[in-house]
């Protein structure tokens, strides 16, 4: 198994250009990624598949931007909460541990979910890439900037502290 410092170096390497290849990062860290037809309210899960091996399962029916965030979020659990994962963690659409899914992990609470969300944001939208996108005249609207980062416009606006008005509300 890779040392923690090596894992951090690998994460920094993957965060060097947009959009960050989160699936490649997971694989490089030794975490398998698979896609399955999960319940609509389930975004994904991380599960132990051996002594020191883990797998992230992503809802195949969710939009690609959500799938990318799910992978990054579950990697957050892997990096920060590996000792708490037990048999697994199932996260719903709000990225909260599910109490009624396959895995009922009572060790993961709101603070761990918030940490995993912050980890996901730091991987998908690191400040140096945000600055590059922000200062690039080719990306003149939030939707274009979000696409360049491989995230949804809403996530981009939250990260930038911008107001977001969904297209259907206009």
Protein backbone atom coordinates (compact mmCIF):
# COMPACT_ATOMS: atom_id res chain seq x y z
CA UNK A 1 0.00 0.00 0.00
CA UNK A 2 1.16 3.50 -0.85
CA UNK A 3 2.29 5.78 1.99
CA UNK A 4 0.03 8.72 2.82
CA UNK A 5 2.64 11.24 1.61
CA UNK A 6 2.81 9.40 -1.73
CA UNK A 7 -0.98 9.52 -1.99
CA UNK A 8 -0.96 13.29 -1.38
CA UNK A 9 1.74 13.76 -4.04
CA UNK A 10 -0.36 11.75 -6.48
CA UNK A 11 -3.42 13.89 -5.74
CA UNK A 12 -1.38 17.07 -6.37
CA UNK A 13 -0.20 15.63 -9.70
CA UNK A 14 -3.76 14.87 -10.84
CA UNK A 15 -4.93 18.36 -9.79
CA UNK A 16 -2.47 20.02 -12.18
CA UNK A 17 -4.92 20.58 -15.07
CA UNK A 18 -8.65 20.83 -15.66
CA UNK A 19 -10.81 18.89 -15.71
CA UNK A 20 -9.24 16.70 -13.03
CA UNK A 21 -9.35 13.02 -13.99
CA UNK A 22 -10.98 11.79 -10.77
CA UNK A 23 -11.54 8.27 -12.04
CA UNK A 24 -7.88 8.05 -13.04
CA UNK A 25 -6.92 9.41 -9.64
CA UNK A 26 -9.02 6.80 -7.87
CA UNK A 27 -7.44 4.02 -9.92
CA UNK A 28 -3.94 5.41 -9.29
CA UNK A 29 -4.69 5.38 -5.55
CA UNK A 30 -5.74 1.73 -5.88
CA UNK A 31 -9.47 2.38 -5.50
CA UNK A 32 -11.58 0.68 -8.16
CA UNK A 33 -14.47 2.64 -9.68
CA UNK A 34 -17.54 0.95 -11.08
CA UNK A 35 -20.96 2.12 -12.22
CA UNK A 36 -24.27 0.52 -11.32
CA UNK A 37 -28.00 1.17 -11.55
CA UNK A 38 -28.46 2.37 -7.98
CA UNK A 39 -31.64 3.75 -6.45
CA UNK A 40 -32.26 7.30 -7.79
CA UNK A 41 -31.66 8.83 -4.36
CA UNK A 42 -28.24 7.13 -4.02
CA UNK A 43 -25.30 8.94 -5.61
CA UNK A 44 -22.71 6.35 -4.75
CA UNK A 45 -20.88 4.42 -2.10
CA UNK A 46 -17.47 3.28 -1.05
CA UNK A 47 -17.02 -0.25 0.16
CA UNK A 48 -14.20 -2.40 1.44
CA UNK A 49 -13.48 -5.29 -0.95
CA UNK A 50 -10.51 -6.75 0.88
CA UNK A 51 -8.15 -6.06 3.74
CA UNK A 52 -6.78 -2.84 2.28
CA UNK A 53 -8.77 -2.58 -0.94
CA UNK A 54 -11.76 -0.38 -1.66
CA UNK A 55 -14.24 0.20 -4.44
CA UNK A 56 -16.36 3.22 -5.27
CA UNK A 57 -19.71 2.44 -6.88
CA UNK A 58 -21.31 5.36 -8.74
CA UNK A 59 -24.91 5.73 -9.86
CA UNK A 60 -24.76 5.11 -13.62
CA UNK A 61 -27.97 7.09 -14.14
CA UNK A 62 -26.77 10.39 -12.68
CA UNK A 63 -25.32 13.23 -14.79
CA UNK A 64 -21.56 13.05 -15.44
CA UNK A 65 -20.86 16.12 -13.29
CA UNK A 66 -22.60 14.46 -10.32
CA UNK A 67 -20.73 11.22 -10.95
CA UNK A 68 -17.42 13.13 -10.89
CA UNK A 69 -18.35 14.83 -7.62
CA UNK A 70 -19.43 11.47 -6.17
CA UNK A 71 -16.08 9.89 -7.03
CA UNK A 72 -14.20 12.84 -5.48
CA UNK A 73 -16.47 12.76 -2.41
CA UNK A 74 -15.95 9.03 -1.89
CA UNK A 75 -12.19 9.54 -2.34
CA UNK A 76 -12.50 12.05 0.49
CA UNK A 77 -13.89 9.29 2.69
CA UNK A 78 -11.06 7.02 1.53
CA UNK A 79 -8.34 9.56 2.32
CA UNK A 80 -9.82 11.02 5.51
CA UNK A 81 -12.05 8.34 7.04
CA UNK A 82 -10.65 5.01 5.89
CA UNK A 83 -10.55 3.81 9.49
CA UNK A 84 -14.31 4.49 9.82
CA UNK A 85 -15.50 2.94 6.57
CA UNK A 86 -16.04 -0.55 7.98
CA UNK A 87 -17.92 -2.54 5.34
CA UNK A 88 -18.92 0.61 3.48
CA UNK A 89 -20.67 3.98 3.30
CA UNK A 90 -23.63 4.77 1.09
CA UNK A 91 -24.27 8.44 0.30
CA UNK A 92 -27.54 9.95 -0.84
CA UNK A 93 -28.01 12.89 -3.20
CA UNK A 94 -27.24 15.38 -0.42
CA UNK A 95 -23.99 13.48 0.24
CA UNK A 96 -25.17 12.34 3.62
CA UNK A 97 -24.67 8.79 4.84
CA UNK A 98 -27.82 6.84 4.17
CA UNK A 99 -29.57 5.15 7.06
CA UNK A 100 -31.70 2.93 4.86
CA UNK A 101 -29.31 1.77 2.14
CA UNK A 102 -27.00 -1.17 1.74
CA UNK A 103 -24.58 0.24 4.33
CA UNK A 104 -25.82 1.66 7.61
CA UNK A 105 -22.54 3.12 8.86
CA UNK A 106 -23.14 4.91 12.16
CA UNK A 107 -19.47 5.99 12.33
CA UNK A 108 -19.89 8.53 9.52
CA UNK A 109 -21.85 11.60 10.53
CA UNK A 110 -22.42 15.14 9.29
CA UNK A 111 -18.89 16.33 10.11
CA UNK A 112 -17.29 13.51 8.09
CA UNK A 113 -19.69 14.17 5.19
CA UNK A 114 -18.76 17.87 5.25
CA UNK A 115 -15.06 16.94 5.25
CA UNK A 116 -15.60 14.62 2.27
CA UNK A 117 -17.46 17.39 0.41
CA UNK A 118 -14.64 19.86 1.08
CA UNK A 119 -12.12 17.28 -0.12
CA UNK A 120 -14.15 16.81 -3.32
CA UNK A 121 -14.23 20.57 -3.95
CA UNK A 122 -10.47 20.84 -3.35
CA UNK A 123 -9.85 18.07 -5.90
CA UNK A 124 -12.29 19.18 -8.61
CA UNK A 125 -11.86 22.95 -8.21
CA UNK A 126 -8.47 23.69 -6.65
CA UNK A 127 -7.69 27.39 -6.29
CA UNK A 128 -4.92 27.43 -8.92
CA UNK A 129 -7.29 25.98 -11.56
CA UNK A 130 -10.05 28.34 -10.44
CA UNK A 131 -7.67 31.27 -11.00
CA UNK A 132 -6.72 29.99 -14.47
CA UNK A 133 -10.36 29.63 -15.48
CA UNK A 134 -11.37 32.92 -13.83
CA UNK A 135 -8.71 34.82 -15.80
CA UNK A 136 -9.22 33.08 -19.13
CA UNK A 137 -11.23 35.26 -21.57
CA UNK A 138 -12.40 32.12 -23.42
CA UNK A 139 -14.60 31.29 -20.43
CA UNK A 140 -16.78 34.36 -20.06
CA UNK A 141 -19.81 32.94 -18.22
CA UNK A 142 -20.12 30.63 -15.20
CA UNK A 143 -21.53 27.78 -17.30
CA UNK A 144 -18.44 27.78 -19.54
CA UNK A 145 -16.11 27.94 -16.54
CA UNK A 146 -17.96 25.05 -14.89
CA UNK A 147 -17.71 22.97 -18.09
CA UNK A 148 -13.95 23.61 -18.23
CA UNK A 149 -13.64 22.22 -14.71
CA UNK A 150 -16.03 19.33 -15.35
CA UNK A 151 -18.45 20.41 -12.63
CA UNK A 152 -22.03 21.63 -12.68
CA UNK A 153 -22.69 25.35 -12.86
CA UNK A 154 -24.30 25.33 -9.41
CA UNK A 155 -21.17 23.83 -7.80
CA UNK A 156 -18.97 26.35 -9.61
CA UNK A 157 -21.12 29.26 -8.41
CA UNK A 158 -21.05 28.01 -4.82
CA UNK A 159 -17.24 27.73 -4.98
CA UNK A 160 -16.95 31.26 -6.36
CA UNK A 161 -19.53 32.73 -4.00
CA UNK A 162 -21.79 33.71 -6.90
CA UNK A 163 -25.55 33.73 -6.97
CA UNK A 164 -26.93 30.85 -8.98
CA UNK A 165 -30.25 30.91 -10.72
CA UNK A 166 -31.25 27.59 -12.29
CA UNK A 167 -32.16 27.83 -15.96
CA UNK A 168 -35.66 26.52 -15.32
CA UNK A 169 -36.32 29.42 -12.90
CA UNK A 170 -35.73 32.08 -15.55
